[in-house]
Amino acid sequence: MLNTIFSGVFDTSAVSAIAVSQFMICIVCAVILGLMMAFAYQYRARATKSFLITLALLPAVVCVVIMMVNGNVGAGVAVAGTFSLVRFRSVPGTAREIGMLFLAMGTGLICGMGYLGYAVLFAVVMTLLYMLLEAVEFGGTKANRFKTVRITIPEDLDYTGIFDDIFSRNLKKWNLSQVKSTNMGSMFRLTYDVEYRDGINEKRMIDDLRVRNGNLEITVSNQDTAAAEL
């Protein structure tokens, strides 16, 4: 009776159906590995509830797709590719999020092929490697040098090269990326993309800039690279 319920209407003698026990073993393994990756992603990283749930369930979804095409990876990828039709409705993710999604999909694919031992090995190794790179702040030291500096100046102040001497003492590179009028046209807001020198005293640089711009607003923030991440 159980075999009849879970048999396909298009099954033939040449195509063997997946046993329910095998199906459940693969699904449970994929869910456990997905939960492991979801917990690992929270290590030194902020994540939304919806993303963590997606990360936990994605390996099981991919696993089922691969199993339903009897391990045919080409057909499985083609079927799973239809899900990308709704991609335009979602918010663009960071490189870290996309990387974890690919890791989850790869784990689900291996589970769907039936190689559960390889799936566990792959997920554990890649998860530990991810946590190690986060722990050592791989690539983070250099990235922290890149800042965006916004300086407000009066409209009658010629901003051409006015801060170059201050920047040359504190920065490796700087580039005036935007000039915007503000406060009903009575002021300009200059936006610089800069790279700090080693051992820079940020407060001293800001104090020097305040003397030059008449103690108007100055903002220093991490450089916005979200648009260039992917």
N, C-alpha and C. Protein backbone atom coordinates (compact mmCIF):
# COMPACT_ATOMS: atom_id res chain seq x y z
N MET A 1 0.83 -1.21 0.00
CA MET A 1 0.00 0.00 0.00
C MET A 1 0.86 1.26 0.00
N LEU A 2 1.93 1.27 0.85
CA LEU A 2 2.81 2.44 0.95
C LEU A 2 3.52 2.69 -0.36
N ASN A 3 3.97 1.60 -1.02
CA ASN A 3 4.66 1.76 -2.30
C ASN A 3 3.72 2.31 -3.36
N THR A 4 2.44 1.94 -3.27
CA THR A 4 1.47 2.42 -4.25
C THR A 4 1.23 3.92 -4.10
N ILE A 5 1.15 4.39 -2.86
CA ILE A 5 0.89 5.82 -2.61
C ILE A 5 2.02 6.68 -3.15
N PHE A 6 3.25 6.23 -2.96
CA PHE A 6 4.41 7.04 -3.34
C PHE A 6 4.97 6.68 -4.71
N SER A 7 4.27 5.91 -5.49
CA SER A 7 4.71 5.59 -6.85
C SER A 7 4.22 6.66 -7.80
N GLY A 8 4.97 6.91 -8.86
CA GLY A 8 4.61 7.92 -9.83
C GLY A 8 3.72 7.37 -10.93
N VAL A 9 2.86 8.22 -11.46
CA VAL A 9 1.96 7.76 -12.52
C VAL A 9 2.71 7.51 -13.82
N PHE A 10 3.91 8.05 -13.94
CA PHE A 10 4.71 7.86 -15.15
C PHE A 10 5.82 6.84 -14.95
N ASP A 11 5.83 6.16 -13.81
CA ASP A 11 6.87 5.15 -13.56
C ASP A 11 6.73 3.99 -14.53
N THR A 12 7.89 3.48 -14.95
CA THR A 12 7.93 2.30 -15.81
C THR A 12 8.87 1.28 -15.19
N SER A 13 8.93 0.14 -15.83
CA SER A 13 9.83 -0.90 -15.32
C SER A 13 11.29 -0.50 -15.45
N ALA A 14 11.56 0.44 -16.35
CA ALA A 14 12.95 0.88 -16.55
C ALA A 14 13.36 1.95 -15.55
N VAL A 15 12.38 2.53 -14.88
CA VAL A 15 12.67 3.59 -13.92
C VAL A 15 12.28 3.11 -12.54
N SER A 16 13.24 3.07 -11.63
CA SER A 16 12.98 2.61 -10.27
C SER A 16 12.64 3.80 -9.37
N ALA A 17 11.56 3.65 -8.62
CA ALA A 17 11.14 4.72 -7.71
C ALA A 17 12.03 4.73 -6.48
N ILE A 18 12.17 5.92 -5.86
CA ILE A 18 12.97 6.07 -4.66
C ILE A 18 12.17 5.53 -3.48
N ALA A 19 12.80 4.71 -2.67
CA ALA A 19 12.13 4.19 -1.48
C ALA A 19 11.87 5.32 -0.49
N VAL A 20 10.76 5.20 0.25
CA VAL A 20 10.39 6.24 1.21
C VAL A 20 11.47 6.41 2.27
N SER A 21 12.04 5.31 2.72
CA SER A 21 13.08 5.40 3.75
C SER A 21 14.31 6.15 3.23
N GLN A 22 14.71 5.88 1.99
CA GLN A 22 15.85 6.58 1.41
C GLN A 22 15.54 8.06 1.22
N PHE A 23 14.30 8.34 0.80
CA PHE A 23 13.88 9.73 0.62
C PHE A 23 13.97 10.50 1.93
N MET A 24 13.47 9.92 2.99
CA MET A 24 13.48 10.59 4.28
C MET A 24 14.89 10.76 4.83
N ILE A 25 15.75 9.76 4.63
CA ILE A 25 17.13 9.87 5.11
C ILE A 25 17.83 11.05 4.44
N CYS A 26 17.65 11.18 3.13
CA CYS A 26 18.29 12.29 2.40
C CYS A 26 17.73 13.64 2.84
N ILE A 27 16.41 13.71 3.03
CA ILE A 27 15.79 14.96 3.45
C ILE A 27 16.27 15.38 4.84
N VAL A 28 16.27 14.43 5.77
CA VAL A 28 16.70 14.74 7.15
C VAL A 28 18.15 15.19 7.16
N CYS A 29 18.99 14.51 6.39
CA CYS A 29 20.41 14.89 6.33
C CYS A 29 20.56 16.30 5.77
N ALA A 30 19.80 16.62 4.72
CA ALA A 30 19.89 17.95 4.10
C ALA A 30 19.41 19.03 5.08
N VAL A 31 18.34 18.76 5.82
CA VAL A 31 17.82 19.74 6.78
C VAL A 31 18.83 19.97 7.91
N ILE A 32 19.43 18.90 8.41
CA ILE A 32 20.42 19.04 9.49
C ILE A 32 21.61 19.87 9.03
N LEU A 33 22.10 19.59 7.82
CA LEU A 33 23.23 20.36 7.30
C LEU A 33 22.82 21.82 7.04
N GLY A 34 21.59 22.04 6.59
CA GLY A 34 21.12 23.40 6.39
C GLY A 34 21.05 24.17 7.70
N LEU A 35 20.57 23.52 8.76
CA LEU A 35 20.53 24.16 10.07
C LEU A 35 21.93 24.48 10.58
N MET A 36 22.86 23.57 10.32
CA MET A 36 24.24 23.80 10.73
C MET A 36 24.82 25.04 10.04
N MET A 37 24.55 25.17 8.74
CA MET A 37 25.06 26.33 8.00
C MET A 37 24.37 27.62 8.45
N ALA A 38 23.09 27.53 8.80
CA ALA A 38 22.37 28.71 9.28
C ALA A 38 22.95 29.20 10.61
N PHE A 39 23.25 28.26 11.52
CA PHE A 39 23.87 28.64 12.79
C PHE A 39 25.27 29.21 12.57
N ALA A 40 26.02 28.61 11.64
CA ALA A 40 27.38 29.08 11.38
C ALA A 40 27.38 30.47 10.77
N TYR A 41 26.36 30.77 9.97
CA TYR A 41 26.32 32.08 9.31
C TYR A 41 26.16 33.21 10.33
N GLN A 42 25.55 32.91 11.46
CA GLN A 42 25.34 33.94 12.48
C GLN A 42 26.62 34.29 13.24
N TYR A 43 27.70 33.53 12.99
CA TYR A 43 28.97 33.79 13.68
C TYR A 43 29.56 35.09 13.14
N ARG A 44 29.56 36.13 13.97
CA ARG A 44 30.11 37.43 13.62
C ARG A 44 29.45 38.06 12.40
N ALA A 45 28.19 37.73 12.16
CA ALA A 45 27.47 38.32 11.04
C ALA A 45 26.01 38.48 11.42
N ARG A 46 25.42 39.59 11.01
CA ARG A 46 24.01 39.82 11.25
C ARG A 46 23.20 39.21 10.12
N ALA A 47 22.08 38.60 10.47
CA ALA A 47 21.24 37.97 9.46
C ALA A 47 19.78 38.13 9.84
N THR A 48 18.92 38.25 8.83
CA THR A 48 17.50 38.34 9.08
C THR A 48 16.92 36.95 9.31
N LYS A 49 15.77 36.93 9.95
CA LYS A 49 15.11 35.65 10.22
C LYS A 49 14.74 34.94 8.92
N SER A 50 14.26 35.69 7.93
CA SER A 50 13.86 35.08 6.67
C SER A 50 15.04 34.45 5.95
N PHE A 51 16.23 35.12 6.01
CA PHE A 51 17.39 34.55 5.33
C PHE A 51 17.86 33.27 6.02
N LEU A 52 17.84 33.26 7.34
CA LEU A 52 18.28 32.06 8.07
C LEU A 52 17.34 30.87 7.79
N ILE A 53 16.04 31.13 7.74
CA ILE A 53 15.09 30.05 7.43
C ILE A 53 15.33 29.54 6.01
N THR A 54 15.56 30.46 5.07
CA THR A 54 15.85 30.06 3.69
C THR A 54 17.11 29.22 3.62
N LEU A 55 18.15 29.65 4.34
CA LEU A 55 19.41 28.92 4.33
C LEU A 55 19.26 27.52 4.92
N ALA A 56 18.40 27.38 5.93
CA ALA A 56 18.20 26.07 6.56
C ALA A 56 17.41 25.12 5.67
N LEU A 57 16.47 25.65 4.88
CA LEU A 57 15.59 24.79 4.08
C LEU A 57 16.08 24.58 2.65
N LEU A 58 16.95 25.45 2.17
CA LEU A 58 17.38 25.36 0.78
C LEU A 58 18.05 24.03 0.42
N PRO A 59 18.94 23.47 1.26
CA PRO A 59 19.52 22.17 0.89
C PRO A 59 18.47 21.08 0.69
N ALA A 60 17.42 21.08 1.51
CA ALA A 60 16.37 20.08 1.37
C ALA A 60 15.60 20.27 0.07
N VAL A 61 15.35 21.53 -0.30
CA VAL A 61 14.63 21.81 -1.55
C VAL A 61 15.43 21.32 -2.76
N VAL A 62 16.72 21.66 -2.80
CA VAL A 62 17.56 21.22 -3.91
C VAL A 62 17.69 19.70 -3.91
N CYS A 63 17.78 19.12 -2.73
CA CYS A 63 17.88 17.66 -2.60
C CYS A 63 16.66 16.97 -3.24
N VAL A 64 15.47 17.48 -2.95
CA VAL A 64 14.25 16.89 -3.51
C VAL A 64 14.22 17.04 -5.03
N VAL A 65 14.63 18.20 -5.54
CA VAL A 65 14.65 18.42 -6.99
C VAL A 65 15.54 17.39 -7.67
N ILE A 66 16.73 17.18 -7.12
CA ILE A 66 17.67 16.23 -7.72
C ILE A 66 17.13 14.80 -7.62
N MET A 67 16.55 14.45 -6.48
CA MET A 67 16.02 13.09 -6.33
C MET A 67 14.85 12.83 -7.28
N MET A 68 14.02 13.84 -7.53
CA MET A 68 12.85 13.65 -8.38
C MET A 68 13.21 13.48 -9.85
N VAL A 69 14.42 13.88 -10.23
CA VAL A 69 14.87 13.64 -11.61
C VAL A 69 15.84 12.47 -11.64
N ASN A 70 15.80 11.65 -10.58
CA ASN A 70 16.60 10.42 -10.51
C ASN A 70 18.09 10.67 -10.66
N GLY A 71 18.57 11.74 -10.04
CA GLY A 71 20.00 11.99 -10.02
C GLY A 71 20.55 12.62 -11.28
N ASN A 72 19.70 12.97 -12.23
CA ASN A 72 20.16 13.62 -13.45
C ASN A 72 20.46 15.08 -13.14
N VAL A 73 21.74 15.39 -13.00
CA VAL A 73 22.12 16.74 -12.56
C VAL A 73 21.69 17.78 -13.58
N GLY A 74 21.85 17.48 -14.87
CA GLY A 74 21.46 18.44 -15.91
C GLY A 74 19.99 18.79 -15.84
N ALA A 75 19.15 17.79 -15.72
CA ALA A 75 17.71 18.04 -15.60
C ALA A 75 17.38 18.73 -14.30
N GLY A 76 18.07 18.36 -13.23
CA GLY A 76 17.81 18.99 -11.94
C GLY A 76 18.14 20.47 -11.95
N VAL A 77 19.29 20.82 -12.57
CA VAL A 77 19.67 22.23 -12.65
C VAL A 77 18.67 23.00 -13.51
N ALA A 78 18.20 22.38 -14.58
CA ALA A 78 17.22 23.04 -15.44
C ALA A 78 15.91 23.30 -14.70
N VAL A 79 15.47 22.30 -13.91
CA VAL A 79 14.23 22.48 -13.15
C VAL A 79 14.43 23.53 -12.07
N ALA A 80 15.54 23.44 -11.34
CA ALA A 80 15.79 24.42 -10.28
C ALA A 80 15.97 25.83 -10.85
N GLY A 81 16.42 25.92 -12.11
CA GLY A 81 16.60 27.23 -12.72
C GLY A 81 15.31 27.98 -12.90
N THR A 82 14.18 27.27 -12.94
CA THR A 82 12.90 27.97 -13.07
C THR A 82 12.60 28.83 -11.84
N PHE A 83 13.19 28.45 -10.69
CA PHE A 83 12.96 29.26 -9.49
C PHE A 83 13.59 30.64 -9.61
N SER A 84 14.58 30.79 -10.50
CA SER A 84 15.23 32.08 -10.65
C SER A 84 14.34 33.10 -11.36
N LEU A 85 13.19 32.64 -11.87
CA LEU A 85 12.28 33.58 -12.53
C LEU A 85 11.73 34.62 -11.58
N VAL A 86 11.72 34.32 -10.28
CA VAL A 86 11.22 35.28 -9.29
C VAL A 86 12.38 36.06 -8.67
N ARG A 87 13.57 35.93 -9.21
CA ARG A 87 14.73 36.61 -8.64
C ARG A 87 14.57 38.12 -8.70
N PHE A 88 13.93 38.62 -9.76
CA PHE A 88 13.80 40.06 -9.90
C PHE A 88 12.94 40.68 -8.81
N ARG A 89 12.18 39.88 -8.07
CA ARG A 89 11.32 40.41 -7.02
C ARG A 89 12.06 40.53 -5.69
N SER A 90 13.25 40.00 -5.59
CA SER A 90 13.97 40.00 -4.32
C SER A 90 14.99 41.12 -4.27
N VAL A 91 15.38 41.46 -3.05
CA VAL A 91 16.39 42.50 -2.85
C VAL A 91 17.77 41.92 -3.14
N PRO A 92 18.66 42.63 -3.86
CA PRO A 92 20.00 42.12 -4.11
C PRO A 92 20.73 41.82 -2.82
N GLY A 93 21.41 40.69 -2.77
CA GLY A 93 22.12 40.28 -1.56
C GLY A 93 23.58 40.63 -1.63
N THR A 94 24.25 40.49 -0.49
CA THR A 94 25.69 40.72 -0.44
C THR A 94 26.42 39.49 -0.96
N ALA A 95 27.72 39.65 -1.19
CA ALA A 95 28.52 38.52 -1.67
C ALA A 95 28.53 37.38 -0.65
N ARG A 96 28.54 37.74 0.63
CA ARG A 96 28.53 36.71 1.68
C ARG A 96 27.24 35.90 1.63
N GLU A 97 26.10 36.57 1.47
CA GLU A 97 24.83 35.86 1.42
C GLU A 97 24.74 34.96 0.20
N ILE A 98 25.15 35.47 -0.96
CA ILE A 98 25.11 34.66 -2.18
C ILE A 98 26.03 33.46 -2.05
N GLY A 99 27.20 33.66 -1.44
CA GLY A 99 28.13 32.55 -1.26
C GLY A 99 27.54 31.45 -0.38
N MET A 100 26.87 31.84 0.71
CA MET A 100 26.25 30.84 1.57
C MET A 100 25.10 30.14 0.88
N LEU A 101 24.37 30.85 0.04
CA LEU A 101 23.29 30.20 -0.71
C LEU A 101 23.84 29.17 -1.69
N PHE A 102 24.94 29.48 -2.35
CA PHE A 102 25.57 28.51 -3.24
C PHE A 102 26.08 27.30 -2.46
N LEU A 103 26.61 27.55 -1.26
CA LEU A 103 27.07 26.45 -0.41
C LEU A 103 25.90 25.56 -0.03
N ALA A 104 24.77 26.16 0.32
CA ALA A 104 23.58 25.37 0.67
C ALA A 104 23.08 24.59 -0.53
N MET A 105 23.09 25.20 -1.70
CA MET A 105 22.63 24.50 -2.90
C MET A 105 23.55 23.34 -3.25
N GLY A 106 24.86 23.55 -3.12
CA GLY A 106 25.81 22.47 -3.38
C GLY A 106 25.62 21.30 -2.43
N THR A 107 25.38 21.62 -1.16
CA THR A 107 25.13 20.56 -0.17
C THR A 107 23.87 19.78 -0.51
N GLY A 108 22.81 20.50 -0.88
CA GLY A 108 21.57 19.83 -1.25
C GLY A 108 21.72 18.97 -2.49
N LEU A 109 22.52 19.43 -3.44
CA LEU A 109 22.75 18.64 -4.65
C LEU A 109 23.45 17.32 -4.34
N ILE A 110 24.46 17.37 -3.47
CA ILE A 110 25.18 16.15 -3.11
C ILE A 110 24.26 15.19 -2.36
N CYS A 111 23.43 15.74 -1.47
CA CYS A 111 22.46 14.89 -0.76
C CYS A 111 21.49 14.25 -1.73
N GLY A 112 21.02 15.01 -2.70
CA GLY A 112 20.09 14.47 -3.68
C GLY A 112 20.69 13.38 -4.54
N MET A 113 21.98 13.44 -4.76
CA MET A 113 22.68 12.39 -5.51
C MET A 113 22.86 11.13 -4.68
N GLY A 114 22.64 11.23 -3.36
CA GLY A 114 22.75 10.07 -2.48
C GLY A 114 24.08 9.92 -1.78
N TYR A 115 25.01 10.84 -2.00
CA TYR A 115 26.33 10.76 -1.38
C TYR A 115 26.30 11.53 -0.05
N LEU A 116 25.66 10.97 0.94
CA LEU A 116 25.46 11.68 2.19
C LEU A 116 26.77 11.93 2.93
N GLY A 117 27.68 10.97 2.86
CA GLY A 117 28.98 11.15 3.52
C GLY A 117 29.74 12.32 2.92
N TYR A 118 29.75 12.43 1.58
CA TYR A 118 30.41 13.56 0.94
C TYR A 118 29.69 14.88 1.26
N ALA A 119 28.37 14.83 1.37
CA ALA A 119 27.61 16.04 1.70
C ALA A 119 28.00 16.55 3.08
N VAL A 120 28.08 15.64 4.05
CA VAL A 120 28.48 16.03 5.41
C VAL A 120 29.90 16.57 5.41
N LEU A 121 30.81 15.88 4.72
CA LEU A 121 32.21 16.32 4.66
C LEU A 121 32.32 17.69 4.02
N PHE A 122 31.64 17.88 2.91
CA PHE A 122 31.69 19.16 2.20
C PHE A 122 31.13 20.28 3.08
N ALA A 123 29.97 20.07 3.68
CA ALA A 123 29.34 21.11 4.49
C ALA A 123 30.18 21.45 5.72
N VAL A 124 30.73 20.44 6.39
CA VAL A 124 31.52 20.68 7.59
C VAL A 124 32.80 21.43 7.26
N VAL A 125 33.51 21.00 6.21
CA VAL A 125 34.77 21.65 5.83
C VAL A 125 34.53 23.10 5.43
N MET A 126 33.53 23.35 4.59
CA MET A 126 33.28 24.71 4.12
C MET A 126 32.76 25.61 5.24
N THR A 127 31.96 25.05 6.13
CA THR A 127 31.46 25.85 7.26
C THR A 127 32.59 26.23 8.21
N LEU A 128 33.45 25.27 8.52
CA LEU A 128 34.59 25.57 9.38
C LEU A 128 35.53 26.59 8.73
N LEU A 129 35.72 26.46 7.41
CA LEU A 129 36.57 27.42 6.70
C LEU A 129 35.96 28.82 6.74
N TYR A 130 34.65 28.89 6.58
CA TYR A 130 33.96 30.19 6.66
C TYR A 130 34.15 30.82 8.04
N MET A 131 33.97 30.04 9.09
CA MET A 131 34.12 30.56 10.44
C MET A 131 35.57 30.96 10.72
N LEU A 132 36.54 30.22 10.17
CA LEU A 132 37.94 30.57 10.35
C LEU A 132 38.26 31.90 9.68
N LEU A 133 37.79 32.09 8.44
CA LEU A 133 38.04 33.35 7.75
C LEU A 133 37.39 34.52 8.47
N GLU A 134 36.22 34.29 9.06
CA GLU A 134 35.56 35.35 9.83
C GLU A 134 36.35 35.65 11.11
N ALA A 135 36.88 34.60 11.74
CA ALA A 135 37.60 34.78 13.00
C ALA A 135 38.88 35.59 12.81
N VAL A 136 39.59 35.34 11.71
CA VAL A 136 40.85 36.05 11.47
C VAL A 136 40.61 37.38 10.74
N GLU A 137 39.32 37.71 10.47
CA GLU A 137 38.95 38.94 9.77
C GLU A 137 39.69 39.05 8.45
N PHE A 138 39.59 37.97 7.67
CA PHE A 138 40.27 37.91 6.38
C PHE A 138 39.79 39.04 5.46
N GLY A 139 40.73 39.86 4.99
CA GLY A 139 40.40 40.96 4.10
C GLY A 139 39.79 42.17 4.78
N GLY A 140 39.59 42.10 6.11
CA GLY A 140 38.90 43.19 6.79
C GLY A 140 39.79 44.38 7.10
N THR A 141 41.08 44.14 7.38
CA THR A 141 41.98 45.23 7.77
C THR A 141 42.14 46.26 6.67
N LYS A 142 42.34 45.76 5.45
CA LYS A 142 42.50 46.68 4.33
C LYS A 142 41.19 47.38 4.00
N ALA A 143 40.08 46.62 4.11
CA ALA A 143 38.78 47.22 3.77
C ALA A 143 38.44 48.37 4.69
N ASN A 144 38.91 48.31 5.96
CA ASN A 144 38.59 49.37 6.91
C ASN A 144 39.31 50.68 6.60
N ARG A 145 40.27 50.65 5.71
CA ARG A 145 40.96 51.88 5.34
C ARG A 145 40.12 52.76 4.43
N PHE A 146 39.20 52.15 3.69
CA PHE A 146 38.43 52.89 2.69
C PHE A 146 37.22 53.53 3.36
N LYS A 147 37.16 54.86 3.28
CA LYS A 147 36.10 55.61 3.93
C LYS A 147 35.46 56.59 2.95
N THR A 148 34.30 57.06 3.34
CA THR A 148 33.64 58.15 2.63
C THR A 148 33.56 59.35 3.57
N VAL A 149 34.11 60.48 3.14
CA VAL A 149 34.13 61.70 3.94
C VAL A 149 33.23 62.73 3.27
N ARG A 150 32.26 63.22 4.04
CA ARG A 150 31.35 64.25 3.54
C ARG A 150 31.58 65.53 4.33
N ILE A 151 31.88 66.61 3.62
CA ILE A 151 32.24 67.88 4.23
C ILE A 151 31.30 68.96 3.73
N THR A 152 30.69 69.68 4.63
CA THR A 152 29.82 70.80 4.28
C THR A 152 30.62 72.10 4.35
N ILE A 153 30.52 72.91 3.29
CA ILE A 153 31.26 74.17 3.23
C ILE A 153 30.30 75.29 2.81
N PRO A 154 30.63 76.55 3.13
CA PRO A 154 29.80 77.67 2.67
C PRO A 154 29.86 77.79 1.15
N GLU A 155 28.84 78.39 0.55
CA GLU A 155 28.76 78.48 -0.90
C GLU A 155 29.84 79.39 -1.50
N ASP A 156 30.36 80.33 -0.71
CA ASP A 156 31.35 81.26 -1.24
C ASP A 156 32.78 80.74 -1.11
N LEU A 157 32.94 79.51 -0.62
CA LEU A 157 34.28 78.93 -0.45
C LEU A 157 34.62 78.08 -1.67
N ASP A 158 35.74 78.41 -2.32
CA ASP A 158 36.18 77.64 -3.49
C ASP A 158 36.74 76.30 -3.01
N TYR A 159 36.05 75.22 -3.36
CA TYR A 159 36.43 73.90 -2.84
C TYR A 159 37.50 73.20 -3.67
N THR A 160 37.95 73.80 -4.75
CA THR A 160 38.94 73.15 -5.61
C THR A 160 40.28 73.02 -4.89
N GLY A 161 40.62 71.83 -4.48
CA GLY A 161 41.90 71.56 -3.83
C GLY A 161 42.06 72.18 -2.47
N ILE A 162 40.95 72.61 -1.86
CA ILE A 162 41.07 73.34 -0.59
C ILE A 162 41.54 72.45 0.56
N PHE A 163 41.27 71.16 0.49
CA PHE A 163 41.66 70.25 1.58
C PHE A 163 42.84 69.35 1.21
N ASP A 164 43.48 69.61 0.08
CA ASP A 164 44.53 68.70 -0.40
C ASP A 164 45.70 68.59 0.57
N ASP A 165 46.09 69.69 1.21
CA ASP A 165 47.23 69.62 2.13
C ASP A 165 46.90 68.78 3.36
N ILE A 166 45.67 68.87 3.84
CA ILE A 166 45.26 68.04 4.99
C ILE A 166 45.18 66.58 4.59
N PHE A 167 44.59 66.33 3.43
CA PHE A 167 44.47 64.95 2.95
C PHE A 167 45.83 64.31 2.69
N SER A 168 46.77 65.07 2.17
CA SER A 168 48.08 64.50 1.84
C SER A 168 48.83 64.04 3.09
N ARG A 169 48.54 64.66 4.25
CA ARG A 169 49.20 64.26 5.49
C ARG A 169 48.57 63.00 6.10
N ASN A 170 47.33 62.72 5.75
CA ASN A 170 46.61 61.64 6.43
C ASN A 170 46.15 60.51 5.51
N LEU A 171 46.11 60.75 4.21
CA LEU A 171 45.50 59.78 3.31
C LEU A 171 46.48 59.32 2.24
N LYS A 172 46.26 58.11 1.78
CA LYS A 172 47.01 57.61 0.62
C LYS A 172 46.39 58.12 -0.67
N LYS A 173 45.06 58.04 -0.75
CA LYS A 173 44.35 58.47 -1.95
C LYS A 173 43.07 59.18 -1.53
N TRP A 174 42.63 60.10 -2.36
CA TRP A 174 41.34 60.74 -2.16
C TRP A 174 40.80 61.19 -3.51
N ASN A 175 39.49 61.16 -3.61
CA ASN A 175 38.85 61.52 -4.87
C ASN A 175 37.51 62.20 -4.57
N LEU A 176 37.33 63.38 -5.13
CA LEU A 176 36.07 64.10 -4.97
C LEU A 176 35.03 63.47 -5.90
N SER A 177 34.12 62.68 -5.33
CA SER A 177 33.17 61.92 -6.15
C SER A 177 31.83 62.62 -6.36
N GLN A 178 31.52 63.59 -5.49
CA GLN A 178 30.22 64.26 -5.62
C GLN A 178 30.25 65.64 -5.00
N VAL A 179 29.59 66.59 -5.66
CA VAL A 179 29.39 67.94 -5.13
C VAL A 179 27.89 68.20 -5.19
N LYS A 180 27.30 68.55 -4.04
CA LYS A 180 25.86 68.75 -3.96
C LYS A 180 25.55 70.01 -3.17
N SER A 181 24.66 70.82 -3.72
CA SER A 181 24.22 72.01 -2.98
C SER A 181 23.19 71.60 -1.94
N THR A 182 23.20 72.28 -0.80
CA THR A 182 22.29 71.92 0.28
C THR A 182 21.87 73.19 1.03
N ASN A 183 20.91 73.05 1.91
CA ASN A 183 20.42 74.17 2.73
C ASN A 183 19.97 75.33 1.85
N MET A 184 19.08 75.01 0.89
CA MET A 184 18.53 76.01 -0.04
C MET A 184 19.62 76.69 -0.87
N GLY A 185 20.67 75.95 -1.18
CA GLY A 185 21.73 76.48 -2.02
C GLY A 185 22.74 77.33 -1.32
N SER A 186 22.65 77.47 0.00
CA SER A 186 23.59 78.32 0.73
C SER A 186 24.86 77.58 1.12
N MET A 187 24.90 76.28 0.91
CA MET A 187 26.07 75.48 1.25
C MET A 187 26.29 74.41 0.19
N PHE A 188 27.52 73.88 0.17
CA PHE A 188 27.86 72.74 -0.66
C PHE A 188 28.22 71.56 0.24
N ARG A 189 27.87 70.37 -0.21
CA ARG A 189 28.30 69.15 0.50
C ARG A 189 29.22 68.37 -0.44
N LEU A 190 30.47 68.23 -0.03
CA LEU A 190 31.48 67.52 -0.83
C LEU A 190 31.62 66.09 -0.33
N THR A 191 31.63 65.15 -1.25
CA THR A 191 31.79 63.74 -0.90
C THR A 191 33.09 63.22 -1.49
N TYR A 192 33.97 62.74 -0.60
CA TYR A 192 35.28 62.21 -0.99
C TYR A 192 35.34 60.71 -0.70
N ASP A 193 35.85 59.95 -1.65
CA ASP A 193 36.22 58.55 -1.41
C ASP A 193 37.71 58.52 -1.10
N VAL A 194 38.06 58.04 0.10
CA VAL A 194 39.44 58.17 0.56
C VAL A 194 39.98 56.82 1.03
N GLU A 195 41.29 56.74 1.09
CA GLU A 195 41.99 55.58 1.67
C GLU A 195 42.96 56.08 2.73
N TYR A 196 42.79 55.59 3.96
CA TYR A 196 43.61 56.05 5.08
C TYR A 196 45.05 55.56 4.97
N ARG A 197 45.96 56.36 5.53
CA ARG A 197 47.32 55.90 5.75
C ARG A 197 47.37 55.04 7.02
N ASP A 198 48.40 54.25 7.18
CA ASP A 198 48.58 53.46 8.40
C ASP A 198 48.86 54.40 9.58
N GLY A 199 48.22 54.13 10.71
CA GLY A 199 48.45 54.93 11.91
C GLY A 199 47.85 56.31 11.87
N ILE A 200 46.83 56.52 11.07
CA ILE A 200 46.21 57.84 10.98
C ILE A 200 45.49 58.19 12.28
N ASN A 201 45.57 59.46 12.66
CA ASN A 201 44.79 59.98 13.78
C ASN A 201 43.55 60.65 13.19
N GLU A 202 42.44 59.92 13.20
CA GLU A 202 41.24 60.39 12.52
C GLU A 202 40.70 61.69 13.15
N LYS A 203 40.72 61.76 14.47
CA LYS A 203 40.19 62.96 15.13
C LYS A 203 41.00 64.20 14.77
N ARG A 204 42.32 64.05 14.70
CA ARG A 204 43.15 65.20 14.35
C ARG A 204 42.83 65.66 12.93
N MET A 205 42.63 64.72 12.02
CA MET A 205 42.29 65.10 10.65
C MET A 205 40.95 65.83 10.60
N ILE A 206 39.96 65.32 11.36
CA ILE A 206 38.65 65.97 11.37
C ILE A 206 38.74 67.37 11.97
N ASP A 207 39.56 67.54 13.02
CA ASP A 207 39.74 68.86 13.63
C ASP A 207 40.35 69.84 12.62
N ASP A 208 41.32 69.36 11.83
CA ASP A 208 41.91 70.22 10.81
C ASP A 208 40.89 70.60 9.74
N LEU A 209 40.04 69.67 9.39
CA LEU A 209 39.01 69.96 8.40
C LEU A 209 37.98 70.95 8.94
N ARG A 210 37.66 70.83 10.23
CA ARG A 210 36.68 71.74 10.84
C ARG A 210 37.20 73.18 10.83
N VAL A 211 38.50 73.34 11.06
CA VAL A 211 39.07 74.69 11.02
C VAL A 211 38.93 75.27 9.61
N ARG A 212 39.10 74.41 8.60
CA ARG A 212 39.08 74.88 7.22
C ARG A 212 37.65 75.15 6.72
N ASN A 213 36.66 74.39 7.18
CA ASN A 213 35.30 74.55 6.64
C ASN A 213 34.39 75.37 7.56
N GLY A 214 34.96 76.02 8.56
CA GLY A 214 34.17 76.87 9.43
C GLY A 214 33.35 76.11 10.45
N ASN A 215 33.83 74.95 10.85
CA ASN A 215 33.17 74.13 11.88
C ASN A 215 31.77 73.68 11.46
N LEU A 216 31.56 73.51 10.15
CA LEU A 216 30.30 72.96 9.67
C LEU A 216 30.35 71.43 9.72
N GLU A 217 29.27 70.81 9.32
CA GLU A 217 29.12 69.35 9.47
C GLU A 217 30.15 68.58 8.66
N ILE A 218 30.75 67.54 9.31
CA ILE A 218 31.66 66.60 8.66
C ILE A 218 31.23 65.19 9.05
N THR A 219 31.11 64.33 8.06
CA THR A 219 30.71 62.95 8.31
C THR A 219 31.75 62.01 7.71
N VAL A 220 32.17 61.01 8.53
CA VAL A 220 33.09 59.97 8.06
C VAL A 220 32.39 58.63 8.24
N SER A 221 32.31 57.85 7.18
CA SER A 221 31.64 56.55 7.23
C SER A 221 32.40 55.54 6.38
N ASN A 222 32.10 54.25 6.61
CA ASN A 222 32.69 53.21 5.78
C ASN A 222 32.23 53.39 4.34
N GLN A 223 33.13 53.15 3.42
CA GLN A 223 32.81 53.36 2.02
C GLN A 223 31.76 52.37 1.57
N ASP A 224 30.77 52.88 0.86
CA ASP A 224 29.64 52.06 0.40
C ASP A 224 30.09 51.27 -0.81
N THR A 225 30.25 49.92 -0.61
CA THR A 225 30.68 49.05 -1.72
C THR A 225 29.62 48.02 -2.05
N ALA A 226 28.39 48.18 -1.51
CA ALA A 226 27.37 47.15 -1.72
C ALA A 226 27.05 46.97 -3.19
N ALA A 227 27.05 48.07 -3.97
CA ALA A 227 26.68 47.95 -5.36
C ALA A 227 27.71 47.21 -6.18
N ALA A 228 28.98 47.20 -5.69
CA ALA A 228 30.05 46.56 -6.46
C ALA A 228 30.40 45.18 -5.93
N GLU A 229 29.68 44.68 -4.94
CA GLU A 229 30.04 43.40 -4.37
C GLU A 229 29.75 42.22 -5.30
N LEU A 230 28.68 42.33 -6.08
CA LEU A 230 28.29 41.23 -6.94
C LEU A 230 28.21 41.70 -8.39
